[in-house]
Amino acid sequence: MLLMPVLAWAEVTVIFDSGHTRSLAPYLEIIEPSESVNNSEPTRSNTLGAADIQMLLPIRSHGLSPGPVQSRAHNRPFARPFFLIGSDPRSRQWLVNHRERLKAIGAVGMLVQVDSLEDLQATASLSGGLPIMPASAADITNVLGISHYPVLVTSQGIEQ
């Protein structure tokens, strides 16, 4: 047990860097705010950090765009179905059309292209309670050979 505090301060090892890495500083300020917070003017240390979604915007997934997806099987067993959507009209309509099925199979969503908070909120309002997180999906789509969204990925295959 005495080694635990020492391990917590061990040097960080970077396993993968896409070139779009963001500093953890704004997120750490939530845990350990700086002592020089002046309440009269907003500073970086009194923002919501990780809880401030606008700090993450815009979300881009390079190599992905709205478009048709050819259904196909794959041999990658995923524990849970997931879907990729953007905040574009095609994705929003797809979400509305497939929402009940997505709920029934327990799918989780990734909002892979979104420019503004308004777009994010409009997409979230269509979700009907489906969990959707804004995040880039460039890595997973490269592995799966996906170039368009909206798309559903299950343990059986890829479909639109």
N, C-alpha and C. Protein backbone atom coordinates (compact mmCIF):
# COMPACT_ATOMS: atom_id res chain seq x y z
N MET A 1 0.81 -1.20 0.00
CA MET A 1 0.00 0.00 0.00
C MET A 1 0.85 1.26 0.00
N LEU A 2 2.06 1.19 0.53
CA LEU A 2 2.91 2.37 0.56
C LEU A 2 3.37 2.78 -0.83
N LEU A 3 3.37 1.85 -1.78
CA LEU A 3 3.81 2.16 -3.13
C LEU A 3 2.75 2.86 -3.97
N MET A 4 1.52 2.81 -3.56
CA MET A 4 0.44 3.40 -4.35
C MET A 4 0.65 4.88 -4.66
N PRO A 5 0.99 5.74 -3.68
CA PRO A 5 1.20 7.15 -4.02
C PRO A 5 2.35 7.34 -5.01
N VAL A 6 3.40 6.54 -4.89
CA VAL A 6 4.53 6.64 -5.80
C VAL A 6 4.10 6.27 -7.22
N LEU A 7 3.29 5.21 -7.36
CA LEU A 7 2.82 4.80 -8.68
C LEU A 7 1.92 5.84 -9.31
N ALA A 8 1.19 6.58 -8.50
CA ALA A 8 0.30 7.60 -9.04
C ALA A 8 1.08 8.72 -9.72
N TRP A 9 2.33 8.92 -9.34
CA TRP A 9 3.14 9.98 -9.93
C TRP A 9 4.11 9.45 -10.97
N ALA A 10 3.94 8.20 -11.39
CA ALA A 10 4.82 7.62 -12.40
C ALA A 10 4.68 8.38 -13.72
N GLU A 11 5.73 8.35 -14.52
CA GLU A 11 5.73 9.05 -15.80
C GLU A 11 4.69 8.47 -16.74
N VAL A 12 4.02 9.33 -17.50
CA VAL A 12 3.00 8.91 -18.44
C VAL A 12 3.68 8.37 -19.69
N THR A 13 3.19 7.25 -20.20
CA THR A 13 3.67 6.68 -21.44
C THR A 13 2.60 6.84 -22.50
N VAL A 14 2.96 7.46 -23.62
CA VAL A 14 2.01 7.68 -24.70
C VAL A 14 2.02 6.43 -25.58
N ILE A 15 0.86 5.81 -25.73
CA ILE A 15 0.72 4.61 -26.55
C ILE A 15 0.40 4.97 -27.98
N PHE A 16 -0.44 5.99 -28.17
CA PHE A 16 -0.82 6.41 -29.52
C PHE A 16 -1.09 7.91 -29.50
N ASP A 17 -0.58 8.61 -30.49
CA ASP A 17 -0.83 10.03 -30.65
C ASP A 17 -1.21 10.28 -32.09
N SER A 18 -2.45 10.69 -32.32
CA SER A 18 -2.95 10.90 -33.67
C SER A 18 -2.46 12.20 -34.28
N GLY A 19 -1.78 13.02 -33.48
CA GLY A 19 -1.40 14.33 -33.96
C GLY A 19 -2.42 15.39 -33.60
N HIS A 20 -3.55 14.97 -33.04
CA HIS A 20 -4.60 15.89 -32.64
C HIS A 20 -4.80 15.83 -31.13
N THR A 21 -3.76 15.52 -30.41
CA THR A 21 -3.84 15.38 -28.97
C THR A 21 -4.09 16.73 -28.32
N ARG A 22 -4.92 16.73 -27.30
CA ARG A 22 -5.22 17.95 -26.56
C ARG A 22 -4.65 17.83 -25.15
N SER A 23 -4.29 18.95 -24.59
CA SER A 23 -3.73 19.00 -23.26
C SER A 23 -4.77 18.57 -22.22
N LEU A 24 -4.30 17.90 -21.18
CA LEU A 24 -5.17 17.51 -20.08
C LEU A 24 -5.35 18.64 -19.07
N ALA A 25 -4.59 19.71 -19.19
CA ALA A 25 -4.60 20.78 -18.21
C ALA A 25 -6.01 21.29 -17.89
N PRO A 26 -6.85 21.60 -18.90
CA PRO A 26 -8.19 22.10 -18.56
C PRO A 26 -9.01 21.09 -17.75
N TYR A 27 -8.78 19.81 -17.98
CA TYR A 27 -9.54 18.78 -17.26
C TYR A 27 -9.02 18.63 -15.83
N LEU A 28 -7.74 18.79 -15.66
CA LEU A 28 -7.16 18.66 -14.33
C LEU A 28 -7.49 19.84 -13.44
N GLU A 29 -7.77 21.00 -14.05
CA GLU A 29 -8.12 22.17 -13.25
C GLU A 29 -9.42 21.96 -12.50
N ILE A 30 -10.27 21.08 -12.97
CA ILE A 30 -11.51 20.78 -12.24
C ILE A 30 -11.16 20.09 -10.94
N ILE A 31 -10.21 19.18 -11.00
CA ILE A 31 -9.82 18.41 -9.83
C ILE A 31 -9.00 19.27 -8.87
N GLU A 32 -8.08 20.06 -9.41
CA GLU A 32 -7.18 20.86 -8.60
C GLU A 32 -7.14 22.28 -9.15
N PRO A 33 -8.14 23.12 -8.80
CA PRO A 33 -8.17 24.47 -9.35
C PRO A 33 -6.98 25.29 -8.87
N SER A 34 -6.55 26.22 -9.70
CA SER A 34 -5.43 27.07 -9.32
C SER A 34 -5.86 27.98 -8.17
N GLU A 35 -4.89 28.41 -7.39
CA GLU A 35 -5.19 29.21 -6.20
C GLU A 35 -5.51 30.66 -6.56
N SER A 36 -5.14 31.11 -7.74
CA SER A 36 -5.32 32.51 -8.10
C SER A 36 -6.56 32.72 -8.96
N VAL A 37 -7.69 32.21 -8.49
CA VAL A 37 -8.94 32.41 -9.23
C VAL A 37 -9.53 33.75 -8.83
N ASN A 38 -9.77 34.59 -9.82
CA ASN A 38 -10.38 35.89 -9.58
C ASN A 38 -11.83 35.78 -10.02
N ASN A 39 -12.77 35.87 -9.10
CA ASN A 39 -14.18 35.67 -9.41
C ASN A 39 -14.77 36.79 -10.27
N SER A 40 -14.09 37.92 -10.40
CA SER A 40 -14.66 39.02 -11.16
C SER A 40 -14.51 38.84 -12.66
N GLU A 41 -13.54 38.05 -13.11
CA GLU A 41 -13.39 37.83 -14.53
C GLU A 41 -13.20 36.35 -14.81
N PRO A 42 -13.82 35.84 -15.88
CA PRO A 42 -13.69 34.41 -16.18
C PRO A 42 -12.27 34.07 -16.59
N THR A 43 -11.79 32.98 -16.06
CA THR A 43 -10.47 32.46 -16.44
C THR A 43 -10.62 31.01 -16.80
N ARG A 44 -9.56 30.45 -17.34
CA ARG A 44 -9.55 29.05 -17.75
C ARG A 44 -9.85 28.14 -16.56
N SER A 45 -9.39 28.53 -15.36
CA SER A 45 -9.53 27.65 -14.20
C SER A 45 -10.93 27.64 -13.60
N ASN A 46 -11.80 28.59 -13.97
CA ASN A 46 -13.16 28.51 -13.43
C ASN A 46 -14.17 28.13 -14.51
N THR A 47 -13.69 27.56 -15.60
CA THR A 47 -14.60 26.98 -16.59
C THR A 47 -14.92 25.56 -16.15
N LEU A 48 -15.79 24.93 -16.87
CA LEU A 48 -16.19 23.57 -16.51
C LEU A 48 -15.21 22.52 -17.01
N GLY A 49 -14.20 22.91 -17.78
CA GLY A 49 -13.20 21.96 -18.26
C GLY A 49 -13.84 20.83 -19.04
N ALA A 50 -13.65 19.60 -18.58
CA ALA A 50 -14.16 18.42 -19.29
C ALA A 50 -15.68 18.43 -19.38
N ALA A 51 -16.34 19.10 -18.44
CA ALA A 51 -17.79 19.15 -18.47
C ALA A 51 -18.30 20.21 -19.45
N ASP A 52 -17.42 21.05 -19.97
CA ASP A 52 -17.79 22.09 -20.92
C ASP A 52 -17.66 21.53 -22.33
N ILE A 53 -18.77 21.12 -22.89
CA ILE A 53 -18.77 20.46 -24.19
C ILE A 53 -18.21 21.35 -25.28
N GLN A 54 -18.35 22.67 -25.14
CA GLN A 54 -17.86 23.57 -26.17
C GLN A 54 -16.34 23.52 -26.32
N MET A 55 -15.66 23.06 -25.28
CA MET A 55 -14.20 22.90 -25.37
C MET A 55 -13.84 21.77 -26.33
N LEU A 56 -14.76 20.86 -26.58
CA LEU A 56 -14.50 19.73 -27.46
C LEU A 56 -14.87 20.02 -28.91
N LEU A 57 -15.67 21.07 -29.14
CA LEU A 57 -16.17 21.36 -30.48
C LEU A 57 -15.17 22.17 -31.28
N PRO A 58 -15.13 22.03 -32.56
CA PRO A 58 -15.91 21.09 -33.38
C PRO A 58 -15.30 19.69 -33.31
N ILE A 59 -16.13 18.69 -33.53
CA ILE A 59 -15.70 17.30 -33.61
C ILE A 59 -15.58 16.96 -35.09
N ARG A 60 -14.46 16.39 -35.49
CA ARG A 60 -14.23 15.98 -36.88
C ARG A 60 -13.71 14.54 -36.89
N SER A 61 -14.14 13.79 -37.85
CA SER A 61 -13.61 12.44 -38.07
C SER A 61 -13.11 12.41 -39.51
N HIS A 62 -11.83 12.66 -39.66
CA HIS A 62 -11.24 12.75 -40.99
C HIS A 62 -11.42 11.45 -41.76
N GLY A 63 -11.80 11.59 -43.02
CA GLY A 63 -12.04 10.41 -43.85
C GLY A 63 -13.48 9.94 -43.82
N LEU A 64 -14.32 10.56 -43.00
CA LEU A 64 -15.73 10.19 -42.90
C LEU A 64 -16.61 11.31 -43.44
N SER A 65 -17.67 10.93 -44.13
CA SER A 65 -18.64 11.90 -44.63
C SER A 65 -20.00 11.23 -44.71
N PRO A 66 -21.06 12.03 -44.76
CA PRO A 66 -22.39 11.44 -44.91
C PRO A 66 -22.49 10.76 -46.27
N GLY A 67 -23.13 9.60 -46.31
CA GLY A 67 -23.30 8.90 -47.58
C GLY A 67 -23.79 7.49 -47.39
N PRO A 68 -24.01 6.80 -48.51
CA PRO A 68 -24.52 5.42 -48.44
C PRO A 68 -23.45 4.45 -47.95
N VAL A 69 -23.91 3.43 -47.23
CA VAL A 69 -23.02 2.38 -46.71
C VAL A 69 -23.54 1.05 -47.21
N GLN A 70 -22.67 0.28 -47.82
CA GLN A 70 -23.02 -1.06 -48.29
C GLN A 70 -22.97 -2.03 -47.11
N SER A 71 -24.06 -2.74 -46.86
CA SER A 71 -24.08 -3.71 -45.76
C SER A 71 -23.10 -4.83 -46.04
N ARG A 72 -22.44 -5.28 -44.98
CA ARG A 72 -21.50 -6.39 -45.12
C ARG A 72 -21.23 -7.02 -43.75
N ALA A 73 -20.85 -8.28 -43.81
CA ALA A 73 -20.50 -9.00 -42.58
C ALA A 73 -19.05 -8.70 -42.24
N HIS A 74 -18.70 -8.92 -41.01
CA HIS A 74 -17.30 -8.82 -40.58
C HIS A 74 -17.06 -9.84 -39.49
N ASN A 75 -15.80 -10.06 -39.16
CA ASN A 75 -15.46 -11.08 -38.16
C ASN A 75 -14.85 -10.45 -36.91
N ARG A 76 -15.35 -9.31 -36.52
CA ARG A 76 -14.87 -8.64 -35.31
C ARG A 76 -16.00 -8.64 -34.27
N PRO A 77 -15.85 -9.43 -33.24
CA PRO A 77 -16.93 -9.50 -32.24
C PRO A 77 -16.91 -8.28 -31.33
N PHE A 78 -17.93 -7.47 -31.41
CA PHE A 78 -18.06 -6.31 -30.53
C PHE A 78 -19.00 -6.68 -29.40
N ALA A 79 -18.68 -6.22 -28.21
CA ALA A 79 -19.50 -6.54 -27.04
C ALA A 79 -20.86 -5.86 -27.11
N ARG A 80 -20.90 -4.71 -27.75
CA ARG A 80 -22.15 -3.95 -27.80
C ARG A 80 -22.26 -3.26 -29.16
N PRO A 81 -23.44 -3.27 -29.74
CA PRO A 81 -23.62 -2.57 -31.02
C PRO A 81 -23.40 -1.06 -30.84
N PHE A 82 -22.85 -0.43 -31.87
CA PHE A 82 -22.69 1.01 -31.82
C PHE A 82 -23.00 1.60 -33.18
N PHE A 83 -23.35 2.87 -33.18
CA PHE A 83 -23.64 3.55 -34.43
C PHE A 83 -22.89 4.87 -34.48
N LEU A 84 -22.61 5.29 -35.70
CA LEU A 84 -21.92 6.54 -35.96
C LEU A 84 -22.85 7.44 -36.73
N ILE A 85 -23.00 8.67 -36.26
CA ILE A 85 -23.83 9.65 -36.95
C ILE A 85 -23.12 11.00 -36.93
N GLY A 86 -23.58 11.88 -37.79
CA GLY A 86 -23.15 13.26 -37.77
C GLY A 86 -24.33 14.12 -37.36
N SER A 87 -24.15 15.42 -37.42
CA SER A 87 -25.26 16.32 -37.10
C SER A 87 -25.95 16.80 -38.37
N ASP A 88 -25.63 16.19 -39.50
CA ASP A 88 -26.21 16.54 -40.79
C ASP A 88 -27.65 16.01 -40.90
N PRO A 89 -28.43 16.56 -41.84
CA PRO A 89 -29.83 16.12 -42.00
C PRO A 89 -29.98 14.62 -42.27
N ARG A 90 -29.10 14.03 -43.07
CA ARG A 90 -29.19 12.60 -43.38
C ARG A 90 -29.06 11.77 -42.10
N SER A 91 -28.09 12.11 -41.27
CA SER A 91 -27.87 11.38 -40.01
C SER A 91 -29.04 11.56 -39.05
N ARG A 92 -29.54 12.77 -38.96
CA ARG A 92 -30.67 13.02 -38.07
C ARG A 92 -31.90 12.21 -38.49
N GLN A 93 -32.17 12.16 -39.78
CA GLN A 93 -33.32 11.38 -40.26
C GLN A 93 -33.10 9.89 -40.01
N TRP A 94 -31.88 9.40 -40.23
CA TRP A 94 -31.54 8.00 -39.98
C TRP A 94 -31.76 7.68 -38.50
N LEU A 95 -31.34 8.57 -37.62
CA LEU A 95 -31.51 8.36 -36.18
C LEU A 95 -32.99 8.25 -35.82
N VAL A 96 -33.81 9.14 -36.36
CA VAL A 96 -35.25 9.09 -36.09
C VAL A 96 -35.84 7.79 -36.63
N ASN A 97 -35.47 7.40 -37.84
CA ASN A 97 -36.02 6.18 -38.46
C ASN A 97 -35.60 4.90 -37.75
N HIS A 98 -34.41 4.86 -37.15
CA HIS A 98 -33.87 3.64 -36.55
C HIS A 98 -33.82 3.67 -35.02
N ARG A 99 -34.31 4.72 -34.43
CA ARG A 99 -34.19 4.93 -32.98
C ARG A 99 -34.73 3.75 -32.17
N GLU A 100 -35.90 3.25 -32.48
CA GLU A 100 -36.48 2.17 -31.69
C GLU A 100 -35.66 0.88 -31.79
N ARG A 101 -35.20 0.56 -32.99
CA ARG A 101 -34.35 -0.62 -33.14
C ARG A 101 -33.05 -0.46 -32.38
N LEU A 102 -32.44 0.72 -32.47
CA LEU A 102 -31.19 0.98 -31.75
C LEU A 102 -31.38 0.82 -30.25
N LYS A 103 -32.50 1.30 -29.74
CA LYS A 103 -32.80 1.11 -28.31
C LYS A 103 -32.97 -0.36 -27.98
N ALA A 104 -33.70 -1.07 -28.82
CA ALA A 104 -33.99 -2.49 -28.57
C ALA A 104 -32.73 -3.34 -28.51
N ILE A 105 -31.73 -3.01 -29.32
CA ILE A 105 -30.50 -3.81 -29.33
C ILE A 105 -29.44 -3.25 -28.38
N GLY A 106 -29.75 -2.16 -27.69
CA GLY A 106 -28.83 -1.59 -26.71
C GLY A 106 -27.63 -0.89 -27.34
N ALA A 107 -27.83 -0.29 -28.49
CA ALA A 107 -26.72 0.37 -29.19
C ALA A 107 -26.36 1.69 -28.52
N VAL A 108 -25.08 2.03 -28.62
CA VAL A 108 -24.59 3.32 -28.17
C VAL A 108 -24.10 4.08 -29.39
N GLY A 109 -24.18 5.39 -29.34
CA GLY A 109 -23.84 6.19 -30.51
C GLY A 109 -22.62 7.07 -30.31
N MET A 110 -22.01 7.37 -31.44
CA MET A 110 -20.93 8.34 -31.48
C MET A 110 -21.31 9.42 -32.47
N LEU A 111 -21.31 10.65 -32.03
CA LEU A 111 -21.56 11.79 -32.90
C LEU A 111 -20.20 12.20 -33.44
N VAL A 112 -19.92 11.82 -34.69
CA VAL A 112 -18.57 11.90 -35.23
C VAL A 112 -18.27 13.19 -36.00
N GLN A 113 -19.28 13.97 -36.30
CA GLN A 113 -19.10 15.26 -36.97
C GLN A 113 -20.12 16.23 -36.40
N VAL A 114 -19.66 17.24 -35.74
CA VAL A 114 -20.56 18.27 -35.20
C VAL A 114 -19.78 19.57 -35.08
N ASP A 115 -20.40 20.65 -35.54
CA ASP A 115 -19.72 21.94 -35.55
C ASP A 115 -20.06 22.81 -34.36
N SER A 116 -21.32 22.82 -33.95
CA SER A 116 -21.75 23.78 -32.94
C SER A 116 -22.54 23.10 -31.82
N LEU A 117 -22.67 23.83 -30.75
CA LEU A 117 -23.46 23.36 -29.62
C LEU A 117 -24.92 23.19 -30.03
N GLU A 118 -25.40 24.06 -30.90
CA GLU A 118 -26.78 23.97 -31.37
C GLU A 118 -27.00 22.67 -32.15
N ASP A 119 -26.04 22.31 -33.01
CA ASP A 119 -26.13 21.04 -33.76
C ASP A 119 -26.12 19.85 -32.81
N LEU A 120 -25.28 19.91 -31.82
CA LEU A 120 -25.18 18.83 -30.84
C LEU A 120 -26.50 18.68 -30.08
N GLN A 121 -27.06 19.79 -29.65
CA GLN A 121 -28.31 19.75 -28.90
C GLN A 121 -29.47 19.27 -29.77
N ALA A 122 -29.50 19.69 -31.03
CA ALA A 122 -30.57 19.24 -31.94
C ALA A 122 -30.49 17.73 -32.15
N THR A 123 -29.30 17.20 -32.31
CA THR A 123 -29.12 15.76 -32.50
C THR A 123 -29.50 15.02 -31.22
N ALA A 124 -29.09 15.54 -30.08
CA ALA A 124 -29.41 14.90 -28.80
C ALA A 124 -30.92 14.87 -28.56
N SER A 125 -31.61 15.90 -28.99
CA SER A 125 -33.06 15.94 -28.78
C SER A 125 -33.78 14.87 -29.60
N LEU A 126 -33.17 14.42 -30.68
CA LEU A 126 -33.76 13.37 -31.51
C LEU A 126 -33.43 11.96 -31.00
N SER A 127 -32.52 11.86 -30.06
CA SER A 127 -32.02 10.55 -29.62
C SER A 127 -33.04 9.73 -28.85
N GLY A 128 -34.00 10.38 -28.23
CA GLY A 128 -35.00 9.65 -27.45
C GLY A 128 -34.40 8.86 -26.30
N GLY A 129 -33.32 9.35 -25.73
CA GLY A 129 -32.70 8.67 -24.60
C GLY A 129 -31.55 7.74 -24.95
N LEU A 130 -31.26 7.57 -26.24
CA LEU A 130 -30.10 6.75 -26.63
C LEU A 130 -28.82 7.43 -26.17
N PRO A 131 -27.87 6.66 -25.64
CA PRO A 131 -26.60 7.28 -25.27
C PRO A 131 -25.80 7.61 -26.54
N ILE A 132 -25.46 8.88 -26.69
CA ILE A 132 -24.66 9.34 -27.83
C ILE A 132 -23.57 10.25 -27.30
N MET A 133 -22.32 9.93 -27.62
CA MET A 133 -21.22 10.77 -27.16
C MET A 133 -20.52 11.41 -28.36
N PRO A 134 -20.18 12.68 -28.24
CA PRO A 134 -19.42 13.31 -29.32
C PRO A 134 -17.97 12.85 -29.26
N ALA A 135 -17.48 12.29 -30.35
CA ALA A 135 -16.11 11.79 -30.39
C ALA A 135 -15.70 11.50 -31.82
N SER A 136 -14.43 11.67 -32.10
CA SER A 136 -13.91 11.31 -33.41
C SER A 136 -13.85 9.79 -33.52
N ALA A 137 -14.16 9.28 -34.69
CA ALA A 137 -14.15 7.83 -34.89
C ALA A 137 -13.19 7.44 -36.01
N ALA A 138 -12.24 8.31 -36.33
CA ALA A 138 -11.35 8.07 -37.45
C ALA A 138 -10.59 6.75 -37.31
N ASP A 139 -10.12 6.43 -36.12
CA ASP A 139 -9.34 5.21 -35.93
C ASP A 139 -10.17 3.95 -36.16
N ILE A 140 -11.33 3.88 -35.55
CA ILE A 140 -12.15 2.67 -35.68
C ILE A 140 -12.69 2.52 -37.09
N THR A 141 -13.01 3.63 -37.74
CA THR A 141 -13.52 3.52 -39.11
C THR A 141 -12.42 3.09 -40.08
N ASN A 142 -11.20 3.47 -39.81
CA ASN A 142 -10.08 2.98 -40.63
C ASN A 142 -9.95 1.48 -40.50
N VAL A 143 -10.04 0.98 -39.29
CA VAL A 143 -9.94 -0.46 -39.05
C VAL A 143 -11.08 -1.22 -39.72
N LEU A 144 -12.28 -0.66 -39.65
CA LEU A 144 -13.46 -1.33 -40.22
C LEU A 144 -13.68 -1.02 -41.69
N GLY A 145 -12.94 -0.11 -42.26
CA GLY A 145 -13.10 0.23 -43.67
C GLY A 145 -14.39 1.00 -43.94
N ILE A 146 -14.78 1.86 -43.02
CA ILE A 146 -15.99 2.66 -43.16
C ILE A 146 -15.58 4.06 -43.59
N SER A 147 -16.25 4.59 -44.61
CA SER A 147 -15.96 5.97 -45.02
C SER A 147 -17.18 6.87 -44.97
N HIS A 148 -18.35 6.27 -44.72
CA HIS A 148 -19.57 7.07 -44.66
C HIS A 148 -20.37 6.75 -43.40
N TYR A 149 -21.20 7.68 -43.04
CA TYR A 149 -22.15 7.53 -41.95
C TYR A 149 -23.46 8.14 -42.39
N PRO A 150 -24.56 7.86 -41.77
CA PRO A 150 -24.76 7.07 -40.55
C PRO A 150 -24.57 5.58 -40.81
N VAL A 151 -24.13 4.88 -39.77
CA VAL A 151 -23.85 3.46 -39.90
C VAL A 151 -24.03 2.77 -38.55
N LEU A 152 -24.48 1.53 -38.61
CA LEU A 152 -24.62 0.69 -37.42
C LEU A 152 -23.63 -0.45 -37.52
N VAL A 153 -22.87 -0.66 -36.44
CA VAL A 153 -21.91 -1.75 -36.39
C VAL A 153 -22.34 -2.69 -35.26
N THR A 154 -22.59 -3.96 -35.64
CA THR A 154 -22.98 -4.97 -34.66
C THR A 154 -21.97 -6.11 -34.74
N SER A 155 -22.15 -7.11 -33.91
CA SER A 155 -21.25 -8.26 -33.95
C SER A 155 -21.41 -9.05 -35.24
N GLN A 156 -22.54 -8.87 -35.93
CA GLN A 156 -22.78 -9.58 -37.19
C GLN A 156 -22.23 -8.83 -38.40
N GLY A 157 -22.22 -7.50 -38.34
CA GLY A 157 -21.76 -6.78 -39.51
C GLY A 157 -21.98 -5.29 -39.44
N ILE A 158 -21.87 -4.67 -40.60
CA ILE A 158 -21.99 -3.24 -40.75
C ILE A 158 -23.18 -2.98 -41.67
N GLU A 159 -24.03 -2.04 -41.28
CA GLU A 159 -25.22 -1.76 -42.09
C GLU A 159 -25.64 -0.31 -41.93
N GLN A 160 -26.49 0.09 -42.85
CA GLN A 160 -27.07 1.42 -42.74
C GLN A 160 -28.54 1.22 -42.64
